[in-house]
Amino acid sequence: RPDMVLKDRDNRRALIIEAKRVDDESKLPKAADEATKQIKDLQYARSIPNGYRTILCYGVAFCEKNCLVKLLRD
């Protein structure tokens, strides 16, 4: 299961977020890539019901108060 799923039923959009925590800021890019890979490999977008026109998938990596967000592009 993804860490977070937000659905905008009125506009038929959904947002999937997978988050990773790291202990070193230099690991943020790799962790964000791993999060987007997990979304793709485990096919999280398939859990969104039919009828949603837009599904955005983000991998987020955190290190203390810093974060890096990457958009999964197919």
PDB file of N, CA and C in Angstrom:
ATOM      1  N   ARG A   1       0.823  -1.187   0.000  1.00  0.00           N
ATOM      2  CA  ARG A   1       0.000   0.000   0.000  1.00  0.00           C
ATOM      3  C   ARG A   1       0.864   1.246   0.000  1.00  0.00           C
ATOM      4  N   PRO A   2       0.418   2.268  -0.687  1.00  0.00           N
ATOM      5  CA  PRO A   2       1.167   3.533  -0.655  1.00  0.00           C
ATOM      6  C   PRO A   2       1.034   4.198   0.712  1.00  0.00           C
ATOM      7  N   ASP A   3       1.967   5.085   1.016  1.00  0.00           N
ATOM      8  CA  ASP A   3       1.904   5.791   2.293  1.00  0.00           C
ATOM      9  C   ASP A   3       0.731   6.755   2.362  1.00  0.00           C
ATOM     10  N   MET A   4       0.406   7.376   1.232  1.00  0.00           N
ATOM     11  CA  MET A   4      -0.689   8.337   1.229  1.00  0.00           C
ATOM     12  C   MET A   4      -1.368   8.360  -0.137  1.00  0.00           C
ATOM     13  N   VAL A   5      -2.698   8.415  -0.130  1.00  0.00           N
ATOM     14  CA  VAL A   5      -3.479   8.572  -1.361  1.00  0.00           C
ATOM     15  C   VAL A   5      -4.491   9.678  -1.110  1.00  0.00           C
ATOM     16  N   LEU A   6      -4.484  10.678  -1.963  1.00  0.00           N
ATOM     17  CA  LEU A   6      -5.445  11.773  -1.889  1.00  0.00           C
ATOM     18  C   LEU A   6      -6.296  11.732  -3.146  1.00  0.00           C
ATOM     19  N   LYS A   7      -7.612  11.842  -2.962  1.00  0.00           N
ATOM     20  CA  LYS A   7      -8.521  11.795  -4.110  1.00  0.00           C
ATOM     21  C   LYS A   7      -9.348  13.070  -4.161  1.00  0.00           C
ATOM     22  N   ASP A   8      -9.359  13.689  -5.311  1.00  0.00           N
ATOM     23  CA  ASP A   8     -10.194  14.860  -5.589  1.00  0.00           C
ATOM     24  C   ASP A   8     -11.344  14.359  -6.462  1.00  0.00           C
ATOM     25  N   ARG A   9     -12.421  13.938  -5.826  1.00  0.00           N
ATOM     26  CA  ARG A   9     -13.528  13.324  -6.557  1.00  0.00           C
ATOM     27  C   ARG A   9     -14.205  14.294  -7.513  1.00  0.00           C
ATOM     28  N   ASP A  10     -14.291  15.560  -7.127  1.00  0.00           N
ATOM     29  CA  ASP A  10     -14.961  16.549  -7.986  1.00  0.00           C
ATOM     30  C   ASP A  10     -14.267  16.711  -9.331  1.00  0.00           C
ATOM     31  N   ASN A  11     -12.932  16.750  -9.319  1.00  0.00           N
ATOM     32  CA  ASN A  11     -12.159  16.955 -10.549  1.00  0.00           C
ATOM     33  C   ASN A  11     -11.556  15.665 -11.091  1.00  0.00           C
ATOM     34  N   ARG A  12     -11.854  14.535 -10.437  1.00  0.00           N
ATOM     35  CA  ARG A  12     -11.401  13.207 -10.879  1.00  0.00           C
ATOM     36  C   ARG A  12      -9.880  13.118 -10.990  1.00  0.00           C
ATOM     37  N   ARG A  13      -9.198  13.602  -9.931  1.00  0.00           N
ATOM     38  CA  ARG A  13      -7.742  13.533  -9.854  1.00  0.00           C
ATOM     39  C   ARG A  13      -7.342  12.790  -8.588  1.00  0.00           C
ATOM     40  N   ALA A  14      -6.202  12.116  -8.641  1.00  0.00           N
ATOM     41  CA  ALA A  14      -5.686  11.407  -7.471  1.00  0.00           C
ATOM     42  C   ALA A  14      -4.190  11.660  -7.345  1.00  0.00           C
ATOM     43  N   LEU A  15      -3.708  11.578  -6.123  1.00  0.00           N
ATOM     44  CA  LEU A  15      -2.305  11.802  -5.812  1.00  0.00           C
ATOM     45  C   LEU A  15      -1.821  10.641  -4.947  1.00  0.00           C
ATOM     46  N   ILE A  16      -0.743   9.992  -5.374  1.00  0.00           N
ATOM     47  CA  ILE A  16      -0.153   8.895  -4.616  1.00  0.00           C
ATOM     48  C   ILE A  16       1.216   9.354  -4.134  1.00  0.00           C
ATOM     49  N   ILE A  17       1.480   9.160  -2.839  1.00  0.00           N
ATOM     50  CA  ILE A  17       2.756   9.570  -2.259  1.00  0.00           C
ATOM     51  C   ILE A  17       3.377   8.385  -1.525  1.00  0.00           C
ATOM     52  N   GLU A  18       4.628   8.117  -1.843  1.00  0.00           N
ATOM     53  CA  GLU A  18       5.418   7.118  -1.113  1.00  0.00           C
ATOM     54  C   GLU A  18       6.578   7.868  -0.464  1.00  0.00           C
ATOM     55  N   ALA A  19       6.760   7.703   0.833  1.00  0.00           N
ATOM     56  CA  ALA A  19       7.780   8.458   1.566  1.00  0.00           C
ATOM     57  C   ALA A  19       8.853   7.531   2.118  1.00  0.00           C
ATOM     58  N   LYS A  20      10.069   8.035   2.114  1.00  0.00           N
ATOM     59  CA  LYS A  20      11.222   7.323   2.675  1.00  0.00           C
ATOM     60  C   LYS A  20      11.958   8.270   3.618  1.00  0.00           C
ATOM     61  N   ARG A  21      12.484   7.726   4.712  1.00  0.00           N
ATOM     62  CA  ARG A  21      13.259   8.512   5.665  1.00  0.00           C
ATOM     63  C   ARG A  21      14.708   8.048   5.599  1.00  0.00           C
ATOM     64  N   VAL A  22      15.636   9.006   5.574  1.00  0.00           N
ATOM     65  CA  VAL A  22      17.064   8.687   5.552  1.00  0.00           C
ATOM     66  C   VAL A  22      17.773   9.435   6.673  1.00  0.00           C
ATOM     67  N   ASP A  23      18.961   8.971   7.012  1.00  0.00           N
ATOM     68  CA  ASP A  23      19.710   9.588   8.112  1.00  0.00           C
ATOM     69  C   ASP A  23      20.806  10.539   7.645  1.00  0.00           C
ATOM     70  N   ASP A  24      20.956  10.667   6.315  1.00  0.00           N
ATOM     71  CA  ASP A  24      21.999  11.527   5.760  1.00  0.00           C
ATOM     72  C   ASP A  24      21.430  12.247   4.542  1.00  0.00           C
ATOM     73  N   GLU A  25      21.590  13.550   4.510  1.00  0.00           N
ATOM     74  CA  GLU A  25      21.023  14.364   3.430  1.00  0.00           C
ATOM     75  C   GLU A  25      21.529  13.943   2.048  1.00  0.00           C
ATOM     76  N   SER A  26      22.728  13.402   1.969  1.00  0.00           N
ATOM     77  CA  SER A  26      23.276  12.988   0.675  1.00  0.00           C
ATOM     78  C   SER A  26      22.525  11.782   0.093  1.00  0.00           C
ATOM     79  N   LYS A  27      21.754  11.094   0.909  1.00  0.00           N
ATOM     80  CA  LYS A  27      20.988   9.925   0.466  1.00  0.00           C
ATOM     81  C   LYS A  27      19.595  10.283  -0.054  1.00  0.00           C
ATOM     82  N   LEU A  28      19.232  11.551  -0.001  1.00  0.00           N
ATOM     83  CA  LEU A  28      17.884  11.967  -0.418  1.00  0.00           C
ATOM     84  C   LEU A  28      17.559  11.597  -1.866  1.00  0.00           C
ATOM     85  N   PRO A  29      18.420  11.886  -2.837  1.00  0.00           N
ATOM     86  CA  PRO A  29      18.070  11.548  -4.227  1.00  0.00           C
ATOM     87  C   PRO A  29      17.825  10.053  -4.446  1.00  0.00           C
ATOM     88  N   LYS A  30      18.668   9.215  -3.872  1.00  0.00           N
ATOM     89  CA  LYS A  30      18.504   7.771  -4.044  1.00  0.00           C
ATOM     90  C   LYS A  30      17.211   7.289  -3.392  1.00  0.00           C
ATOM     91  N   ALA A  31      16.904   7.795  -2.221  1.00  0.00           N
ATOM     92  CA  ALA A  31      15.686   7.387  -1.512  1.00  0.00           C
ATOM     93  C   ALA A  31      14.432   7.829  -2.266  1.00  0.00           C
ATOM     94  N   ALA A  32      14.451   9.027  -2.831  1.00  0.00           N
ATOM     95  CA  ALA A  32      13.307   9.496  -3.612  1.00  0.00           C
ATOM     96  C   ALA A  32      13.128   8.645  -4.862  1.00  0.00           C
ATOM     97  N   ASP A  33      14.241   8.259  -5.491  1.00  0.00           N
ATOM     98  CA  ASP A  33      14.176   7.353  -6.648  1.00  0.00           C
ATOM     99  C   ASP A  33      13.608   5.994  -6.249  1.00  0.00           C
ATOM    100  N   GLU A  34      14.024   5.489  -5.091  1.00  0.00           N
ATOM    101  CA  GLU A  34      13.505   4.208  -4.607  1.00  0.00           C
ATOM    102  C   GLU A  34      12.002   4.286  -4.355  1.00  0.00           C
ATOM    103  N   ALA A  35      11.550   5.415  -3.838  1.00  0.00           N
ATOM    104  CA  ALA A  35      10.120   5.594  -3.577  1.00  0.00           C
ATOM    105  C   ALA A  35       9.316   5.584  -4.880  1.00  0.00           C
ATOM    106  N   THR A  36       9.804   6.288  -5.903  1.00  0.00           N
ATOM    107  CA  THR A  36       9.080   6.284  -7.184  1.00  0.00           C
ATOM    108  C   THR A  36       9.140   4.908  -7.831  1.00  0.00           C
ATOM    109  N   LYS A  37      10.263   4.217  -7.680  1.00  0.00           N
ATOM    110  CA  LYS A  37      10.380   2.856  -8.218  1.00  0.00           C
ATOM    111  C   LYS A  37       9.381   1.924  -7.528  1.00  0.00           C
ATOM    112  N   GLN A  38       9.215   2.084  -6.234  1.00  0.00           N
ATOM    113  CA  GLN A  38       8.264   1.255  -5.495  1.00  0.00           C
ATOM    114  C   GLN A  38       6.835   1.495  -5.989  1.00  0.00           C
ATOM    115  N   ILE A  39       6.482   2.742  -6.241  1.00  0.00           N
ATOM    116  CA  ILE A  39       5.154   3.067  -6.767  1.00  0.00           C
ATOM    117  C   ILE A  39       4.932   2.349  -8.091  1.00  0.00           C
ATOM    118  N   LYS A  40       5.945   2.402  -8.940  1.00  0.00           N
ATOM    119  CA  LYS A  40       5.831   1.782 -10.266  1.00  0.00           C
ATOM    120  C   LYS A  40       5.830   0.255 -10.174  1.00  0.00           C
ATOM    121  N   ASP A  41       6.786  -0.314  -9.441  1.00  0.00           N
ATOM    122  CA  ASP A  41       6.922  -1.771  -9.360  1.00  0.00           C
ATOM    123  C   ASP A  41       5.709  -2.442  -8.726  1.00  0.00           C
ATOM    124  N   LEU A  42       5.158  -1.818  -7.697  1.00  0.00           N
ATOM    125  CA  LEU A  42       4.010  -2.403  -7.002  1.00  0.00           C
ATOM    126  C   LEU A  42       2.672  -1.928  -7.572  1.00  0.00           C
ATOM    127  N   GLN A  43       2.723  -1.145  -8.642  1.00  0.00           N
ATOM    128  CA  GLN A  43       1.543  -0.710  -9.392  1.00  0.00           C
ATOM    129  C   GLN A  43       0.478  -0.073  -8.489  1.00  0.00           C
ATOM    130  N   TYR A  44       0.908   0.873  -7.683  1.00  0.00           N
ATOM    131  CA  TYR A  44      -0.016   1.543  -6.768  1.00  0.00           C
ATOM    132  C   TYR A  44      -1.142   2.273  -7.500  1.00  0.00           C
ATOM    133  N   ALA A  45      -0.883   2.755  -8.695  1.00  0.00           N
ATOM    134  CA  ALA A  45      -1.908   3.497  -9.431  1.00  0.00           C
ATOM    135  C   ALA A  45      -3.095   2.600  -9.797  1.00  0.00           C
ATOM    136  N   ARG A  46      -2.876   1.309  -9.851  1.00  0.00           N
ATOM    137  CA  ARG A  46      -3.976   0.384 -10.174  1.00  0.00           C
ATOM    138  C   ARG A  46      -5.023   0.338  -9.063  1.00  0.00           C
ATOM    139  N   SER A  47      -4.666   0.799  -7.867  1.00  0.00           N
ATOM    140  CA  SER A  47      -5.612   0.785  -6.751  1.00  0.00           C
ATOM    141  C   SER A  47      -6.602   1.948  -6.824  1.00  0.00           C
ATOM    142  N   ILE A  48      -6.352   2.895  -7.717  1.00  0.00           N
ATOM    143  CA  ILE A  48      -7.254   4.038  -7.887  1.00  0.00           C
ATOM    144  C   ILE A  48      -8.434   3.588  -8.747  1.00  0.00           C
ATOM    145  N   PRO A  49      -9.663   3.860  -8.304  1.00  0.00           N
ATOM    146  CA  PRO A  49     -10.829   3.427  -9.074  1.00  0.00           C
ATOM    147  C   PRO A  49     -10.880   4.036 -10.476  1.00  0.00           C
ATOM    148  N   ASN A  50     -11.539   3.336 -11.381  1.00  0.00           N
ATOM    149  CA  ASN A  50     -11.724   3.848 -12.741  1.00  0.00           C
ATOM    150  C   ASN A  50     -12.474   5.170 -12.686  1.00  0.00           C
ATOM    151  N   GLY A  51     -12.246   5.999 -13.668  1.00  0.00           N
ATOM    152  CA  GLY A  51     -12.929   7.283 -13.730  1.00  0.00           C
ATOM    153  C   GLY A  51     -12.060   8.458 -13.325  1.00  0.00           C
ATOM    154  N   TYR A  52     -10.925   8.178 -12.684  1.00  0.00           N
ATOM    155  CA  TYR A  52     -10.006   9.269 -12.345  1.00  0.00           C
ATOM    156  C   TYR A  52      -9.158   9.552 -13.578  1.00  0.00           C
ATOM    157  N   ARG A  53      -9.222  10.806 -14.035  1.00  0.00           N
ATOM    158  CA  ARG A  53      -8.542  11.184 -15.276  1.00  0.00           C
ATOM    159  C   ARG A  53      -7.045  11.421 -15.075  1.00  0.00           C
ATOM    160  N   THR A  54      -6.667  11.924 -13.916  1.00  0.00           N
ATOM    161  CA  THR A  54      -5.270  12.264 -13.646  1.00  0.00           C
ATOM    162  C   THR A  54      -4.821  11.569 -12.372  1.00  0.00           C
ATOM    163  N   ILE A  55      -3.702  10.859 -12.450  1.00  0.00           N
ATOM    164  CA  ILE A  55      -3.107  10.237 -11.271  1.00  0.00           C
ATOM    165  C   ILE A  55      -1.643  10.673 -11.214  1.00  0.00           C
ATOM    166  N   LEU A  56      -1.299  11.450 -10.210  1.00  0.00           N
ATOM    167  CA  LEU A  56       0.068  11.921 -10.015  1.00  0.00           C
ATOM    168  C   LEU A  56       0.728  11.067  -8.943  1.00  0.00           C
ATOM    169  N   CYS A  57       1.965  10.660  -9.181  1.00  0.00           N
ATOM    170  CA  CYS A  57       2.694   9.801  -8.246  1.00  0.00           C
ATOM    171  C   CYS A  57       3.992  10.493  -7.841  1.00  0.00           C
ATOM    172  N   TYR A  58       4.201  10.623  -6.529  1.00  0.00           N
ATOM    173  CA  TYR A  58       5.378  11.314  -6.016  1.00  0.00           C
ATOM    174  C   TYR A  58       6.143  10.431  -5.046  1.00  0.00           C
ATOM    175  N   GLY A  59       7.455  10.429  -5.179  1.00  0.00           N
ATOM    176  CA  GLY A  59       8.348   9.816  -4.211  1.00  0.00           C
ATOM    177  C   GLY A  59       8.956  10.931  -3.381  1.00  0.00           C
ATOM    178  N   VAL A  60       8.876  10.789  -2.062  1.00  0.00           N
ATOM    179  CA  VAL A  60       9.368  11.826  -1.158  1.00  0.00           C
ATOM    180  C   VAL A  60      10.398  11.208  -0.217  1.00  0.00           C
ATOM    181  N   ALA A  61      11.527  11.880  -0.071  1.00  0.00           N
ATOM    182  CA  ALA A  61      12.560  11.443   0.870  1.00  0.00           C
ATOM    183  C   ALA A  61      12.777  12.550   1.895  1.00  0.00           C
ATOM    184  N   PHE A  62      12.858  12.146   3.171  1.00  0.00           N
ATOM    185  CA  PHE A  62      13.026  13.086   4.267  1.00  0.00           C
ATOM    186  C   PHE A  62      14.327  12.820   5.004  1.00  0.00           C
ATOM    187  N   CYS A  63      14.966  13.902   5.433  1.00  0.00           N
ATOM    188  CA  CYS A  63      16.109  13.836   6.332  1.00  0.00           C
ATOM    189  C   CYS A  63      15.977  15.027   7.271  1.00  0.00           C
ATOM    190  N   GLU A  64      15.589  14.738   8.502  1.00  0.00           N
ATOM    191  CA  GLU A  64      15.304  15.775   9.491  1.00  0.00           C
ATOM    192  C   GLU A  64      14.306  16.778   8.913  1.00  0.00           C
ATOM    193  N   LYS A  65      14.696  18.039   8.722  1.00  0.00           N
ATOM    194  CA  LYS A  65      13.753  19.034   8.201  1.00  0.00           C
ATOM    195  C   LYS A  65      13.896  19.268   6.701  1.00  0.00           C
ATOM    196  N   ASN A  66      14.714  18.482   6.050  1.00  0.00           N
ATOM    197  CA  ASN A  66      14.912  18.610   4.609  1.00  0.00           C
ATOM    198  C   ASN A  66      14.172  17.491   3.887  1.00  0.00           C
ATOM    199  N   CYS A  67      13.721  17.796   2.682  1.00  0.00           N
ATOM    200  CA  CYS A  67      13.078  16.747   1.899  1.00  0.00           C
ATOM    201  C   CYS A  67      13.339  16.975   0.410  1.00  0.00           C
ATOM    202  N   LEU A  68      13.154  15.901  -0.344  1.00  0.00           N
ATOM    203  CA  LEU A  68      13.283  15.933  -1.791  1.00  0.00           C
ATOM    204  C   LEU A  68      12.066  15.219  -2.355  1.00  0.00           C
ATOM    205  N   VAL A  69      11.413  15.848  -3.319  1.00  0.00           N
ATOM    206  CA  VAL A  69      10.202  15.280  -3.920  1.00  0.00           C
ATOM    207  C   VAL A  69      10.478  15.045  -5.385  1.00  0.00           C
ATOM    208  N   LYS A  70      10.145  13.831  -5.868  1.00  0.00           N
ATOM    209  CA  LYS A  70      10.315  13.505  -7.282  1.00  0.00           C
ATOM    210  C   LYS A  70       8.988  13.001  -7.839  1.00  0.00           C
ATOM    211  N   LEU A  71       8.660  13.480  -9.020  1.00  0.00           N
ATOM    212  CA  LEU A  71       7.457  13.065  -9.726  1.00  0.00           C
ATOM    213  C   LEU A  71       7.780  11.869 -10.595  1.00  0.00           C
ATOM    214  N   LEU A  72       6.966  10.827 -10.507  1.00  0.00           N
ATOM    215  CA  LEU A  72       7.131   9.653 -11.358  1.00  0.00           C
ATOM    216  C   LEU A  72       6.564   9.979 -12.710  1.00  0.00           C
ATOM    217  N   ARG A  73       7.390   9.875 -13.732  1.00  0.00           N
ATOM    218  CA  ARG A  73       6.961  10.127 -15.107  1.00  0.00           C
ATOM    219  C   ARG A  73       7.096   8.832 -15.893  1.00  0.00           C
ATOM    220  N   ASP A  74       6.031   8.471 -16.577  1.00  0.00           N
ATOM    221  CA  ASP A  74       6.066   7.254 -17.386  1.00  0.00           C
ATOM    222  C   ASP A  74       6.480   7.541 -18.792  1.00  0.00           C
TER     223      ASP A  74
END
